[in-house]
């Protein structure tokens, strides 16, 4: 049994899908990445032990425009071990301080830094994806499809979807596969080179402490459409890291 093709119209004021080679300043790809699109579907309906989302197609419904921003970002990162200790109750949660005086921080150094961001503005995409059930859950595929449709058609989500950064919210609408595509940017064709496919190993069910496993693919926009190969395809270059 094969899952239905689930189609979402997604749009927002700002978006940033950062290129991995940009170490300090953020510079966005000109179009949403498969991992960011998967994150939008996950925000609506996600059962990682039972299935994952496979993006197949991105239709670009608005011209590509960049905007330059300067944003405050925290310097430190929260460790997985700290979060796990808070979840088990063995330690009290401790915040990451972005700003404050010496009495609070214990130092004159700020916990934030200003970084330049080349983001996208006024983005609008139509996403196509289907559910890939994990072994043992294939018979529940019909129920999964129906549950996603109910949630998406009523605007329900576990958390607010976003375009690359959480401060860039993504709004969505569940539409039919044959919905009007008159806004499709048919004059837009470009070779994007290697694009980030995903940051996790999609060949097996994920866990909350799964290690990163970066994958890439050669991305091309043709007549306003970015076609996305399946994760198992030879077109997707995978790097597995089991020893971190």
C-alpha atoms as a PDB file:
ATOM      1  CA  UNK A   1       0.000   0.000   0.000  1.00  0.00           C
ATOM      2  CA  UNK A   2       1.300   3.440  -0.955  1.00  0.00           C
ATOM      3  CA  UNK A   3       0.646   6.664   0.903  1.00  0.00           C
ATOM      4  CA  UNK A   4      -1.292   9.524  -0.640  1.00  0.00           C
ATOM      5  CA  UNK A   5       0.430  12.561  -2.084  1.00  0.00           C
ATOM      6  CA  UNK A   6      -0.119  15.255   0.553  1.00  0.00           C
ATOM      7  CA  UNK A   7       0.114  18.804  -0.756  1.00  0.00           C
ATOM      8  CA  UNK A   8       0.636  21.940   1.328  1.00  0.00           C
ATOM      9  CA  UNK A   9       0.697  25.584   0.329  1.00  0.00           C
ATOM     10  CA  UNK A  10       3.184  27.300   2.661  1.00  0.00           C
ATOM     11  CA  UNK A  11       4.083  30.978   2.821  1.00  0.00           C
ATOM     12  CA  UNK A  12       5.664  33.582   5.076  1.00  0.00           C
ATOM     13  CA  UNK A  13       7.312  36.986   5.288  1.00  0.00           C
ATOM     14  CA  UNK A  14      10.873  35.752   5.866  1.00  0.00           C
ATOM     15  CA  UNK A  15      12.893  32.562   5.454  1.00  0.00           C
ATOM     16  CA  UNK A  16      16.499  31.450   5.821  1.00  0.00           C
ATOM     17  CA  UNK A  17      17.733  28.033   4.696  1.00  0.00           C
ATOM     18  CA  UNK A  18      21.401  28.448   5.558  1.00  0.00           C
ATOM     19  CA  UNK A  19      24.084  27.007   3.323  1.00  0.00           C
ATOM     20  CA  UNK A  20      26.302  24.680   5.438  1.00  0.00           C
ATOM     21  CA  UNK A  21      29.510  26.183   4.030  1.00  0.00           C
ATOM     22  CA  UNK A  22      28.658  29.553   5.602  1.00  0.00           C
ATOM     23  CA  UNK A  23      30.439  29.161   8.957  1.00  0.00           C
ATOM     24  CA  UNK A  24      29.711  32.557  10.539  1.00  0.00           C
ATOM     25  CA  UNK A  25      27.290  34.640   8.507  1.00  0.00           C
ATOM     26  CA  UNK A  26      24.050  33.088   7.293  1.00  0.00           C
ATOM     27  CA  UNK A  27      23.318  33.029   3.557  1.00  0.00           C
ATOM     28  CA  UNK A  28      20.142  31.301   2.446  1.00  0.00           C
ATOM     29  CA  UNK A  29      19.658  28.896  -0.431  1.00  0.00           C
ATOM     30  CA  UNK A  30      17.252  30.482  -2.945  1.00  0.00           C
ATOM     31  CA  UNK A  31      14.612  27.836  -2.201  1.00  0.00           C
ATOM     32  CA  UNK A  32      13.482  25.725   0.740  1.00  0.00           C
ATOM     33  CA  UNK A  33      15.583  22.614   1.455  1.00  0.00           C
ATOM     34  CA  UNK A  34      14.060  19.102   1.746  1.00  0.00           C
ATOM     35  CA  UNK A  35      14.930  18.999   5.477  1.00  0.00           C
ATOM     36  CA  UNK A  36      13.167  22.315   6.159  1.00  0.00           C
ATOM     37  CA  UNK A  37      10.122  21.145   4.189  1.00  0.00           C
ATOM     38  CA  UNK A  38      10.088  17.857   6.125  1.00  0.00           C
ATOM     39  CA  UNK A  39      10.147  19.906   9.315  1.00  0.00           C
ATOM     40  CA  UNK A  40       6.929  21.666   8.268  1.00  0.00           C
ATOM     41  CA  UNK A  41       5.164  18.323   7.773  1.00  0.00           C
ATOM     42  CA  UNK A  42       6.576  17.053  11.087  1.00  0.00           C
ATOM     43  CA  UNK A  43       5.187  20.138  12.846  1.00  0.00           C
ATOM     44  CA  UNK A  44       1.691  19.156  11.690  1.00  0.00           C
ATOM     45  CA  UNK A  45       1.836  15.389  12.182  1.00  0.00           C
ATOM     46  CA  UNK A  46       4.793  13.302  13.347  1.00  0.00           C
ATOM     47  CA  UNK A  47       5.171   9.771  14.752  1.00  0.00           C
ATOM     48  CA  UNK A  48       8.899   9.010  14.363  1.00  0.00           C
ATOM     49  CA  UNK A  49       8.576   5.429  15.615  1.00  0.00           C
ATOM     50  CA  UNK A  50       5.921   4.669  12.983  1.00  0.00           C
ATOM     51  CA  UNK A  51       6.778   6.669   9.852  1.00  0.00           C
ATOM     52  CA  UNK A  52       8.768   9.466   8.256  1.00  0.00           C
ATOM     53  CA  UNK A  53       7.964  12.029   5.579  1.00  0.00           C
ATOM     54  CA  UNK A  54       9.411  11.806   2.060  1.00  0.00           C
ATOM     55  CA  UNK A  55       9.368  15.088   0.175  1.00  0.00           C
ATOM     56  CA  UNK A  56       9.043  14.665  -3.611  1.00  0.00           C
ATOM     57  CA  UNK A  57       8.483  18.095  -5.162  1.00  0.00           C
ATOM     58  CA  UNK A  58       8.685  21.817  -4.402  1.00  0.00           C
ATOM     59  CA  UNK A  59       6.797  24.295  -6.581  1.00  0.00           C
ATOM     60  CA  UNK A  60       7.952  27.911  -6.288  1.00  0.00           C
ATOM     61  CA  UNK A  61       4.943  30.242  -6.334  1.00  0.00           C
ATOM     62  CA  UNK A  62       6.660  33.588  -5.701  1.00  0.00           C
ATOM     63  CA  UNK A  63       9.724  35.330  -7.175  1.00  0.00           C
ATOM     64  CA  UNK A  64      12.996  34.926  -5.276  1.00  0.00           C
ATOM     65  CA  UNK A  65      13.929  38.065  -3.331  1.00  0.00           C
ATOM     66  CA  UNK A  66      16.719  38.443  -0.752  1.00  0.00           C
ATOM     67  CA  UNK A  67      16.817  40.792   2.218  1.00  0.00           C
ATOM     68  CA  UNK A  68      19.806  41.651   4.426  1.00  0.00           C
ATOM     69  CA  UNK A  69      19.240  41.410   8.197  1.00  0.00           C
ATOM     70  CA  UNK A  70      21.368  41.691  11.317  1.00  0.00           C
ATOM     71  CA  UNK A  71      20.296  39.317  14.063  1.00  0.00           C
ATOM     72  CA  UNK A  72      21.340  38.570  17.636  1.00  0.00           C
ATOM     73  CA  UNK A  73      22.327  34.942  18.177  1.00  0.00           C
ATOM     74  CA  UNK A  74      23.428  33.201  21.372  1.00  0.00           C
ATOM     75  CA  UNK A  75      27.065  32.055  21.380  1.00  0.00           C
ATOM     76  CA  UNK A  76      26.644  28.852  23.409  1.00  0.00           C
ATOM     77  CA  UNK A  77      24.814  25.638  22.586  1.00  0.00           C
ATOM     78  CA  UNK A  78      22.749  23.486  24.901  1.00  0.00           C
ATOM     79  CA  UNK A  79      24.268  20.003  25.228  1.00  0.00           C
ATOM     80  CA  UNK A  80      22.156  16.877  24.774  1.00  0.00           C
ATOM     81  CA  UNK A  81      23.457  15.569  28.115  1.00  0.00           C
ATOM     82  CA  UNK A  82      22.192  18.683  29.942  1.00  0.00           C
ATOM     83  CA  UNK A  83      18.732  18.392  28.373  1.00  0.00           C
ATOM     84  CA  UNK A  84      18.538  14.688  29.270  1.00  0.00           C
ATOM     85  CA  UNK A  85      19.447  15.449  32.899  1.00  0.00           C
ATOM     86  CA  UNK A  86      16.681  18.078  33.058  1.00  0.00           C
ATOM     87  CA  UNK A  87      14.171  15.659  31.555  1.00  0.00           C
ATOM     88  CA  UNK A  88      14.992  13.004  34.170  1.00  0.00           C
ATOM     89  CA  UNK A  89      14.911  15.567  36.984  1.00  0.00           C
ATOM     90  CA  UNK A  90      18.486  14.886  38.136  1.00  0.00           C
ATOM     91  CA  UNK A  91      19.372  18.570  37.569  1.00  0.00           C
ATOM     92  CA  UNK A  92      17.521  21.851  37.590  1.00  0.00           C
ATOM     93  CA  UNK A  93      17.133  23.492  34.138  1.00  0.00           C
ATOM     94  CA  UNK A  94      19.586  26.302  33.468  1.00  0.00           C
ATOM     95  CA  UNK A  95      18.914  28.991  30.849  1.00  0.00           C
ATOM     96  CA  UNK A  96      21.276  30.245  28.168  1.00  0.00           C
ATOM     97  CA  UNK A  97      21.748  33.938  28.958  1.00  0.00           C
ATOM     98  CA  UNK A  98      21.777  36.155  25.889  1.00  0.00           C
ATOM     99  CA  UNK A  99      22.365  39.338  27.861  1.00  0.00           C
ATOM    100  CA  UNK A 100      22.708  40.642  31.391  1.00  0.00           C
ATOM    101  CA  UNK A 101      25.060  42.363  33.808  1.00  0.00           C
ATOM    102  CA  UNK A 102      28.072  40.918  35.615  1.00  0.00           C
ATOM    103  CA  UNK A 103      25.952  40.052  38.655  1.00  0.00           C
ATOM    104  CA  UNK A 104      23.821  37.681  36.548  1.00  0.00           C
ATOM    105  CA  UNK A 105      26.387  36.385  34.066  1.00  0.00           C
ATOM    106  CA  UNK A 106      29.453  36.386  36.295  1.00  0.00           C
ATOM    107  CA  UNK A 107      31.374  38.047  33.452  1.00  0.00           C
ATOM    108  CA  UNK A 108      31.352  41.188  31.364  1.00  0.00           C
ATOM    109  CA  UNK A 109      31.140  39.093  28.178  1.00  0.00           C
ATOM    110  CA  UNK A 110      27.739  39.032  26.506  1.00  0.00           C
ATOM    111  CA  UNK A 111      26.129  35.704  25.675  1.00  0.00           C
ATOM    112  CA  UNK A 112      25.079  36.914  22.249  1.00  0.00           C
ATOM    113  CA  UNK A 113      26.691  38.009  19.020  1.00  0.00           C
ATOM    114  CA  UNK A 114      25.403  39.973  16.056  1.00  0.00           C
ATOM    115  CA  UNK A 115      25.522  38.206  12.710  1.00  0.00           C
ATOM    116  CA  UNK A 116      24.615  39.226   9.202  1.00  0.00           C
ATOM    117  CA  UNK A 117      21.859  37.195   7.525  1.00  0.00           C
ATOM    118  CA  UNK A 118      20.962  37.112   3.852  1.00  0.00           C
ATOM    119  CA  UNK A 119      17.404  35.846   4.114  1.00  0.00           C
ATOM    120  CA  UNK A 120      14.539  35.389   1.664  1.00  0.00           C
ATOM    121  CA  UNK A 121      11.420  37.530   1.828  1.00  0.00           C
ATOM    122  CA  UNK A 122       7.799  36.951   0.790  1.00  0.00           C
ATOM    123  CA  UNK A 123       8.237  33.233   0.128  1.00  0.00           C
ATOM    124  CA  UNK A 124       5.460  30.982  -1.165  1.00  0.00           C
ATOM    125  CA  UNK A 125       5.825  27.279  -2.002  1.00  0.00           C
ATOM    126  CA  UNK A 126       3.649  24.292  -2.774  1.00  0.00           C
ATOM    127  CA  UNK A 127       5.099  21.161  -1.176  1.00  0.00           C
ATOM    128  CA  UNK A 128       4.402  17.547  -2.154  1.00  0.00           C
ATOM    129  CA  UNK A 129       5.225  14.687   0.221  1.00  0.00           C
ATOM    130  CA  UNK A 130       4.017  11.263   1.268  1.00  0.00           C
ATOM    131  CA  UNK A 131       4.305   9.076   4.358  1.00  0.00           C
ATOM    132  CA  UNK A 132       6.907   6.287   4.446  1.00  0.00           C
ATOM    133  CA  UNK A 133       5.782   3.776   7.082  1.00  0.00           C
ATOM    134  CA  UNK A 134       8.476   1.901   8.997  1.00  0.00           C
ATOM    135  CA  UNK A 135       8.414  -1.933   8.924  1.00  0.00           C
ATOM    136  CA  UNK A 136       5.552  -3.265  11.026  1.00  0.00           C
ATOM    137  CA  UNK A 137       3.353  -0.201  10.558  1.00  0.00           C
ATOM    138  CA  UNK A 138       2.440  -0.586   6.872  1.00  0.00           C
ATOM    139  CA  UNK A 139      -1.134  -1.627   7.716  1.00  0.00           C
ATOM    140  CA  UNK A 140      -1.691   1.668   9.542  1.00  0.00           C
ATOM    141  CA  UNK A 141      -0.888   3.775   6.486  1.00  0.00           C
ATOM    142  CA  UNK A 142      -4.510   4.596   5.648  1.00  0.00           C
ATOM    143  CA  UNK A 143      -5.166   5.856   9.180  1.00  0.00           C
ATOM    144  CA  UNK A 144      -1.994   7.957   9.104  1.00  0.00           C
ATOM    145  CA  UNK A 145      -3.045   9.568   5.818  1.00  0.00           C
ATOM    146  CA  UNK A 146      -6.494  10.372   7.171  1.00  0.00           C
ATOM    147  CA  UNK A 147      -5.146  11.792  10.420  1.00  0.00           C
ATOM    148  CA  UNK A 148      -2.752  14.100   8.597  1.00  0.00           C
ATOM    149  CA  UNK A 149      -5.516  15.336   6.308  1.00  0.00           C
ATOM    150  CA  UNK A 150      -7.777  16.076   9.280  1.00  0.00           C
ATOM    151  CA  UNK A 151      -5.078  17.989  11.118  1.00  0.00           C
ATOM    152  CA  UNK A 152      -3.770  19.921   8.108  1.00  0.00           C
ATOM    153  CA  UNK A 153      -7.227  20.855   6.799  1.00  0.00           C
ATOM    154  CA  UNK A 154      -8.120  22.335  10.236  1.00  0.00           C
ATOM    155  CA  UNK A 155      -4.812  24.187  10.598  1.00  0.00           C
ATOM    156  CA  UNK A 156      -3.669  22.064  13.548  1.00  0.00           C
ATOM    157  CA  UNK A 157       0.009  21.629  14.380  1.00  0.00           C
ATOM    158  CA  UNK A 158       2.134  20.392  17.284  1.00  0.00           C
ATOM    159  CA  UNK A 159       4.199  23.579  17.108  1.00  0.00           C
ATOM    160  CA  UNK A 160       4.313  26.541  14.745  1.00  0.00           C
ATOM    161  CA  UNK A 161       6.088  25.522  11.497  1.00  0.00           C
ATOM    162  CA  UNK A 162       8.960  27.775  10.503  1.00  0.00           C
ATOM    163  CA  UNK A 163      11.206  28.590   7.549  1.00  0.00           C
ATOM    164  CA  UNK A 164      14.697  27.642   8.683  1.00  0.00           C
ATOM    165  CA  UNK A 165      14.739  29.830  11.840  1.00  0.00           C
ATOM    166  CA  UNK A 166      12.056  29.738  14.515  1.00  0.00           C
ATOM    167  CA  UNK A 167      11.530  33.502  14.339  1.00  0.00           C
ATOM    168  CA  UNK A 168      10.430  33.085  10.690  1.00  0.00           C
ATOM    169  CA  UNK A 169       6.977  31.438  11.012  1.00  0.00           C
ATOM    170  CA  UNK A 170       5.497  29.442   8.134  1.00  0.00           C
ATOM    171  CA  UNK A 171       1.758  29.490   7.478  1.00  0.00           C
ATOM    172  CA  UNK A 172       0.149  26.545   5.707  1.00  0.00           C
ATOM    173  CA  UNK A 173      -2.976  25.365   3.948  1.00  0.00           C
ATOM    174  CA  UNK A 174      -3.871  21.836   2.892  1.00  0.00           C
ATOM    175  CA  UNK A 175      -4.693  21.827  -0.842  1.00  0.00           C
ATOM    176  CA  UNK A 176      -5.401  19.315  -3.582  1.00  0.00           C
ATOM    177  CA  UNK A 177      -2.714  18.059  -5.954  1.00  0.00           C
ATOM    178  CA  UNK A 178      -4.612  19.572  -8.907  1.00  0.00           C
ATOM    179  CA  UNK A 179      -4.986  23.006  -7.258  1.00  0.00           C
ATOM    180  CA  UNK A 180      -4.452  26.052  -9.482  1.00  0.00           C
ATOM    181  CA  UNK A 181      -0.731  26.677 -10.101  1.00  0.00           C
ATOM    182  CA  UNK A 182      -1.061  29.903 -12.082  1.00  0.00           C
ATOM    183  CA  UNK A 183       1.476  31.515  -9.717  1.00  0.00           C
ATOM    184  CA  UNK A 184       4.147  28.935 -10.561  1.00  0.00           C
ATOM    185  CA  UNK A 185       7.377  30.734 -11.537  1.00  0.00           C
ATOM    186  CA  UNK A 186       7.729  28.963 -14.870  1.00  0.00           C
ATOM    187  CA  UNK A 187      10.546  31.280 -16.115  1.00  0.00           C
ATOM    188  CA  UNK A 188      12.734  30.234 -13.146  1.00  0.00           C
ATOM    189  CA  UNK A 189      15.399  27.643 -13.935  1.00  0.00           C
ATOM    190  CA  UNK A 190      18.797  27.374 -12.227  1.00  0.00           C
ATOM    191  CA  UNK A 191      21.410  24.862 -11.139  1.00  0.00           C
ATOM    192  CA  UNK A 192      21.902  25.195  -7.372  1.00  0.00           C
ATOM    193  CA  UNK A 193      24.802  22.748  -7.090  1.00  0.00           C
ATOM    194  CA  UNK A 194      24.951  20.633  -3.941  1.00  0.00           C
ATOM    195  CA  UNK A 195      22.061  21.330  -1.567  1.00  0.00           C
ATOM    196  CA  UNK A 196      21.517  20.013   1.941  1.00  0.00           C
ATOM    197  CA  UNK A 197      19.089  17.077   1.811  1.00  0.00           C
ATOM    198  CA  UNK A 198      18.808  16.294   5.520  1.00  0.00           C
ATOM    199  CA  UNK A 199      20.787  16.307   8.748  1.00  0.00           C
ATOM    200  CA  UNK A 200      19.644  12.890  10.040  1.00  0.00           C
ATOM    201  CA  UNK A 201      19.804   9.298   8.795  1.00  0.00           C
ATOM    202  CA  UNK A 202      16.380   8.764   7.209  1.00  0.00           C
ATOM    203  CA  UNK A 203      16.970   5.061   6.577  1.00  0.00           C
ATOM    204  CA  UNK A 204      15.856   4.125  10.101  1.00  0.00           C
ATOM    205  CA  UNK A 205      13.558   5.475  12.834  1.00  0.00           C
ATOM    206  CA  UNK A 206      15.043   8.451  14.635  1.00  0.00           C
ATOM    207  CA  UNK A 207      15.430   9.040  18.353  1.00  0.00           C
ATOM    208  CA  UNK A 208      15.710  12.194  20.470  1.00  0.00           C
ATOM    209  CA  UNK A 209      19.490  11.684  20.834  1.00  0.00           C
ATOM    210  CA  UNK A 210      20.281  10.594  17.257  1.00  0.00           C
ATOM    211  CA  UNK A 211      23.618  11.785  15.907  1.00  0.00           C
ATOM    212  CA  UNK A 212      23.787  14.006  12.802  1.00  0.00           C
ATOM    213  CA  UNK A 213      24.151  12.279   9.430  1.00  0.00           C
ATOM    214  CA  UNK A 214      24.450  14.918   6.720  1.00  0.00           C
ATOM    215  CA  UNK A 215      23.211  14.141   3.183  1.00  0.00           C
ATOM    216  CA  UNK A 216      23.403  16.231   0.002  1.00  0.00           C
ATOM    217  CA  UNK A 217      22.024  16.161  -3.540  1.00  0.00           C
ATOM    218  CA  UNK A 218      22.457  18.030  -6.810  1.00  0.00           C
ATOM    219  CA  UNK A 219      19.542  20.472  -6.858  1.00  0.00           C
ATOM    220  CA  UNK A 220      18.087  21.959 -10.025  1.00  0.00           C
ATOM    221  CA  UNK A 221      15.101  24.250 -10.428  1.00  0.00           C
ATOM    222  CA  UNK A 222      13.402  23.683 -13.769  1.00  0.00           C
ATOM    223  CA  UNK A 223      10.459  25.862 -14.783  1.00  0.00           C
ATOM    224  CA  UNK A 224       9.818  26.795 -11.159  1.00  0.00           C
ATOM    225  CA  UNK A 225       9.922  23.220  -9.825  1.00  0.00           C
ATOM    226  CA  UNK A 226      12.541  21.531  -7.628  1.00  0.00           C
ATOM    227  CA  UNK A 227      12.287  17.743  -7.878  1.00  0.00           C
ATOM    228  CA  UNK A 228      13.526  15.857  -4.802  1.00  0.00           C
ATOM    229  CA  UNK A 229      14.899  12.297  -5.129  1.00  0.00           C
ATOM    230  CA  UNK A 230      14.074   9.664  -2.536  1.00  0.00           C
ATOM    231  CA  UNK A 231      16.536   9.283   0.321  1.00  0.00           C
ATOM    232  CA  UNK A 232      17.465   5.789  -0.905  1.00  0.00           C
ATOM    233  CA  UNK A 233      18.365   7.114  -4.357  1.00  0.00           C
ATOM    234  CA  UNK A 234      21.962   7.115  -5.595  1.00  0.00           C
ATOM    235  CA  UNK A 235      21.457  10.812  -6.308  1.00  0.00           C
ATOM    236  CA  UNK A 236      21.607  11.455  -2.557  1.00  0.00           C
ATOM    237  CA  UNK A 237      25.132  11.550  -1.123  1.00  0.00           C
ATOM    238  CA  UNK A 238      25.146  10.306   2.487  1.00  0.00           C
ATOM    239  CA  UNK A 239      27.721  10.610   5.246  1.00  0.00           C
ATOM    240  CA  UNK A 240      27.087   8.452   8.289  1.00  0.00           C
ATOM    241  CA  UNK A 241      28.667   9.291  11.652  1.00  0.00           C
ATOM    242  CA  UNK A 242      28.239   6.574  14.223  1.00  0.00           C
ATOM    243  CA  UNK A 243      31.344   7.354  16.323  1.00  0.00           C
ATOM    244  CA  UNK A 244      30.570  10.885  17.565  1.00  0.00           C
END
